[in-house]
Amino acid sequence: MADDNKHGANQLSAEPRDVFGKGAARKIRAAGKIPAVIYGHGSDPQHVTLPGHEVALILRKANQVLDLDISGKSQLALVKDVQKDPVRQIIEHLDLIVVRKGEKVTVDVPVHVEGEAAAGTTAAQDANTISLEAEATHIPERIIVSIEGLEAGTQILAKDLSLPEGSILISDPDTLVINVTAQAEQDLGETETAEESAAEGEAAEGGAEAEAPADADAAE
């Protein structure tokens, strides 16, 4: 069960930079831009500056590939790491790796659950991501798993997932993704006990009210 929506590269203009350090990075961010470094394929790291707003929109989805225009030359790069301010959640820096069309890369793809399991069951998602090998420009945005109508005792493992064409499972095939169980009998028992206690309480209150007039008569 896979999402057929695949994304290619996002075109951006990147400015080479040769000034480094925290002070330089602060100035870049103050100008609404993001510092980044590109590495891989045995090449020297390239330090660039990217447009902040466009990058923030692109990074709403995982495993994005950027088609960077660096001084008139095109460079494909996969977003490998995003560093954010822990409080303000502002993007502070990106690590990118060089990729080429047709090249295979290993990525962690989010697992998205749809539907509802059978009545009286609980579906637990044990794995939020699955590791895949996919073409750099055809990385699936997510893997969709339907749990519609699944009965208690059903388990969906990584090897049961339907992967997009060209993708290969890297995670352990026996990784538990979804586990459907019956609602806990203990929870049901606690509910019944609570209902019984409430009923007994109401009965006790009713008995007290019935006895009150008798006590009053006796006092007279």
Protein backbone atom coordinates (compact mmCIF):
# COMPACT_ATOMS: atom_id res chain seq x y z
CA MET A 1 0.00 0.00 0.00
CA ALA A 2 2.08 2.91 -1.25
CA ASP A 3 1.57 6.53 -2.12
CA ASP A 4 2.02 6.83 -5.88
CA ASN A 5 2.80 10.52 -5.56
CA LYS A 6 6.53 10.79 -6.21
CA HIS A 7 8.49 13.99 -6.26
CA GLY A 8 11.44 14.99 -8.38
CA ALA A 9 13.72 17.95 -7.81
CA ASN A 10 12.82 21.44 -6.62
CA GLN A 11 14.61 24.19 -8.53
CA LEU A 12 16.37 26.79 -6.43
CA SER A 13 19.08 29.37 -6.96
CA ALA A 14 22.04 28.89 -4.60
CA GLU A 15 24.70 31.50 -3.88
CA PRO A 16 28.25 30.28 -3.22
CA ARG A 17 29.69 31.57 0.06
CA ASP A 18 33.20 31.79 1.41
CA VAL A 19 32.53 33.49 4.75
CA PHE A 20 31.90 31.14 7.67
CA GLY A 21 31.32 31.18 11.41
CA LYS A 22 28.37 31.91 13.68
CA GLY A 23 28.43 35.63 12.96
CA ALA A 24 28.26 35.10 9.19
CA ALA A 25 25.47 32.52 9.61
CA ARG A 26 23.45 34.97 11.73
CA LYS A 27 23.74 37.63 9.02
CA ILE A 28 22.58 35.12 6.39
CA ARG A 29 19.53 34.15 8.46
CA ALA A 30 18.77 37.81 9.24
CA ALA A 31 18.56 38.37 5.48
CA GLY A 32 15.93 35.62 5.21
CA LYS A 33 18.33 33.05 3.82
CA ILE A 34 19.70 29.69 5.00
CA PRO A 35 23.34 28.54 5.04
CA ALA A 36 23.94 25.05 3.67
CA VAL A 37 26.78 22.70 2.81
CA ILE A 38 26.79 20.17 -0.05
CA TYR A 39 29.03 17.11 0.13
CA GLY A 40 29.42 13.64 -1.36
CA HIS A 41 30.82 11.71 -4.33
CA GLY A 42 34.34 12.47 -3.16
CA SER A 43 34.03 16.16 -3.97
CA ASP A 44 35.08 19.00 -1.69
CA PRO A 45 32.22 20.40 0.40
CA GLN A 46 30.41 23.32 -1.24
CA HIS A 47 29.13 26.07 1.02
CA VAL A 48 26.07 27.88 -0.31
CA THR A 49 23.24 30.17 0.74
CA LEU A 50 19.63 29.25 -0.08
CA PRO A 51 16.39 31.30 -0.15
CA GLY A 52 14.73 30.79 3.25
CA HIS A 53 11.02 30.99 2.38
CA GLU A 54 11.22 28.64 -0.61
CA VAL A 55 13.26 26.11 1.37
CA ALA A 56 10.82 26.21 4.30
CA LEU A 57 7.94 25.37 1.95
CA ILE A 58 9.85 22.51 0.31
CA LEU A 59 10.86 20.98 3.66
CA ARG A 60 7.26 20.47 4.70
CA LYS A 61 7.78 17.07 3.08
CA ALA A 62 10.54 14.59 3.83
CA ASN A 63 13.43 13.49 1.59
CA GLN A 64 13.36 16.43 -0.78
CA VAL A 65 15.76 16.66 -3.72
CA LEU A 66 16.90 20.16 -4.69
CA ASP A 67 17.97 21.14 -8.21
CA LEU A 68 20.39 23.90 -7.36
CA ASP A 69 21.59 26.53 -9.79
CA ILE A 70 25.07 27.38 -8.51
CA SER A 71 26.68 30.08 -10.63
CA GLY A 72 24.89 28.76 -13.71
CA LYS A 73 25.68 25.09 -13.06
CA SER A 74 22.97 22.58 -12.06
CA GLN A 75 23.57 20.36 -9.04
CA LEU A 76 21.12 17.79 -7.65
CA ALA A 77 21.28 17.43 -3.87
CA LEU A 78 19.24 15.44 -1.37
CA VAL A 79 18.33 17.10 1.95
CA LYS A 80 20.09 14.91 4.51
CA ASP A 81 19.86 16.93 7.73
CA VAL A 82 17.89 19.96 8.85
CA GLN A 83 19.12 21.88 11.88
CA LYS A 84 16.47 24.02 13.60
CA ASP A 85 16.39 26.39 16.53
CA PRO A 86 14.89 24.21 19.31
CA VAL A 87 12.65 27.02 20.59
CA ARG A 88 11.63 29.04 17.53
CA GLN A 89 11.86 26.08 15.10
CA ILE A 90 13.56 28.32 12.55
CA ILE A 91 15.77 26.48 10.03
CA GLU A 92 19.38 27.33 10.88
CA HIS A 93 21.38 25.10 8.54
CA LEU A 94 21.04 22.34 5.94
CA ASP A 95 23.29 19.40 5.12
CA LEU A 96 22.86 18.24 1.51
CA ILE A 97 24.40 15.28 -0.31
CA VAL A 98 25.21 15.22 -4.00
CA VAL A 99 23.00 12.88 -6.04
CA ARG A 100 22.70 12.07 -9.73
CA LYS A 101 19.71 11.11 -11.85
CA GLY A 102 19.17 7.36 -11.73
CA GLU A 103 21.32 7.01 -8.63
CA LYS A 104 19.95 4.92 -5.77
CA VAL A 105 19.85 6.41 -2.28
CA THR A 106 18.76 5.02 1.09
CA VAL A 107 16.09 7.09 2.85
CA ASP A 108 13.63 6.79 5.73
CA VAL A 109 10.11 7.24 4.33
CA PRO A 110 7.16 8.11 6.61
CA VAL A 111 4.38 5.52 7.05
CA HIS A 112 0.86 7.00 6.87
CA VAL A 113 -2.11 5.02 8.26
CA GLU A 114 -5.58 5.35 6.74
CA GLY A 115 -8.98 3.88 7.67
CA GLU A 116 -10.35 2.34 10.85
CA ALA A 117 -9.89 -1.18 12.18
CA ALA A 118 -12.91 -3.36 13.07
CA ALA A 119 -15.13 -2.33 15.97
CA GLY A 120 -13.80 -3.39 19.37
CA THR A 121 -10.16 -3.31 18.25
CA THR A 122 -7.20 -1.01 18.70
CA ALA A 123 -4.59 -0.47 15.97
CA ALA A 124 -1.11 0.50 17.18
CA GLN A 125 1.51 1.87 14.78
CA ASP A 126 4.90 0.47 15.82
CA ALA A 127 7.00 1.90 12.97
CA ASN A 128 6.62 5.52 11.86
CA THR A 129 9.18 5.24 9.06
CA ILE A 130 10.53 2.52 6.78
CA SER A 131 14.01 2.50 5.22
CA LEU A 132 13.98 2.16 1.44
CA GLU A 133 16.42 2.28 -1.42
CA ALA A 134 14.97 4.41 -4.21
CA GLU A 135 16.04 6.49 -7.17
CA ALA A 136 17.16 9.90 -5.96
CA THR A 137 14.64 11.73 -8.15
CA HIS A 138 11.78 9.26 -7.47
CA ILE A 139 11.68 9.03 -3.69
CA PRO A 140 8.13 8.30 -2.44
CA GLU A 141 6.80 10.98 -0.09
CA ARG A 142 5.17 8.36 2.12
CA ILE A 143 3.97 4.78 2.29
CA ILE A 144 0.22 4.49 2.87
CA VAL A 145 -1.13 1.59 4.93
CA SER A 146 -4.88 0.90 5.09
CA ILE A 147 -6.20 -0.67 8.29
CA GLU A 148 -9.84 -0.46 7.21
CA GLY A 149 -11.85 -3.30 8.79
CA LEU A 150 -8.83 -5.23 10.08
CA GLU A 151 -9.67 -7.74 12.79
CA ALA A 152 -7.92 -8.31 16.12
CA GLY A 153 -4.76 -10.38 15.70
CA THR A 154 -3.83 -8.80 12.37
CA GLN A 155 -0.22 -7.70 12.01
CA ILE A 156 1.29 -5.79 9.12
CA LEU A 157 5.04 -6.24 8.73
CA ALA A 158 7.46 -4.24 6.60
CA LYS A 159 7.54 -7.06 4.03
CA ASP A 160 3.74 -6.77 3.65
CA LEU A 161 3.94 -3.16 2.44
CA SER A 162 3.33 -2.37 -1.21
CA LEU A 163 6.32 -0.31 -2.36
CA PRO A 164 6.50 2.02 -5.35
CA GLU A 165 8.12 0.66 -8.49
CA GLY A 166 11.87 0.95 -8.27
CA SER A 167 11.98 1.01 -4.47
CA ILE A 168 13.64 -1.75 -2.43
CA LEU A 169 13.00 -2.47 1.25
CA ILE A 170 16.07 -1.90 3.43
CA SER A 171 14.40 -2.24 6.85
CA ASP A 172 14.20 -5.70 8.42
CA PRO A 173 11.34 -7.45 6.53
CA ASP A 174 9.89 -8.65 9.84
CA THR A 175 9.70 -5.14 11.34
CA LEU A 176 6.26 -4.73 12.91
CA VAL A 177 4.46 -1.76 11.39
CA ILE A 178 0.84 -2.19 12.52
CA ASN A 179 -0.52 -4.39 15.31
CA VAL A 180 -4.30 -4.79 15.71
CA THR A 181 -5.52 -6.08 19.07
CA ALA A 182 -8.86 -6.48 20.85
CA GLN A 183 -9.73 -3.71 23.27
CA ALA A 184 -8.27 -4.65 26.65
CA GLU A 185 -10.64 -6.76 28.73
CA GLN A 186 -9.25 -4.98 31.76
CA ASP A 187 -10.51 -1.65 30.41
CA LEU A 188 -13.93 -3.17 29.79
CA GLY A 189 -13.92 -4.65 33.31
CA GLU A 190 -13.03 -1.30 34.83
CA THR A 191 -15.89 0.33 32.94
CA GLU A 192 -18.36 -2.31 34.19
CA THR A 193 -17.09 -1.94 37.77
CA ALA A 194 -17.51 1.84 37.58
CA GLU A 195 -21.07 1.42 36.29
CA GLU A 196 -21.88 -1.09 39.07
CA SER A 197 -20.45 1.25 41.72
CA ALA A 198 -22.54 4.12 40.38
CA ALA A 199 -25.67 1.95 40.45
CA GLU A 200 -24.94 0.82 44.02
CA GLY A 201 -24.41 4.42 45.05
CA GLU A 202 -27.75 5.46 43.59
CA ALA A 203 -29.47 2.55 45.35
CA ALA A 204 -27.87 3.51 48.68
CA GLU A 205 -29.02 7.12 48.29
CA GLY A 206 -32.54 5.92 47.50
CA GLY A 207 -32.57 3.73 50.64
CA ALA A 208 -31.41 6.61 52.83
CA GLU A 209 -34.16 8.86 51.51
CA ALA A 210 -36.75 6.13 52.18
CA GLU A 211 -35.57 5.68 55.77
CA ALA A 212 -35.59 9.43 56.59
CA PRO A 213 -39.41 9.76 57.05
CA ALA A 214 -39.48 6.70 59.31
CA ASP A 215 -36.84 8.24 61.54
CA ALA A 216 -38.81 11.48 61.65
CA ASP A 217 -41.98 9.64 62.73
CA ALA A 218 -40.07 7.91 65.46
CA ALA A 219 -38.76 11.24 66.73
CA GLU A 220 -42.30 12.65 66.96
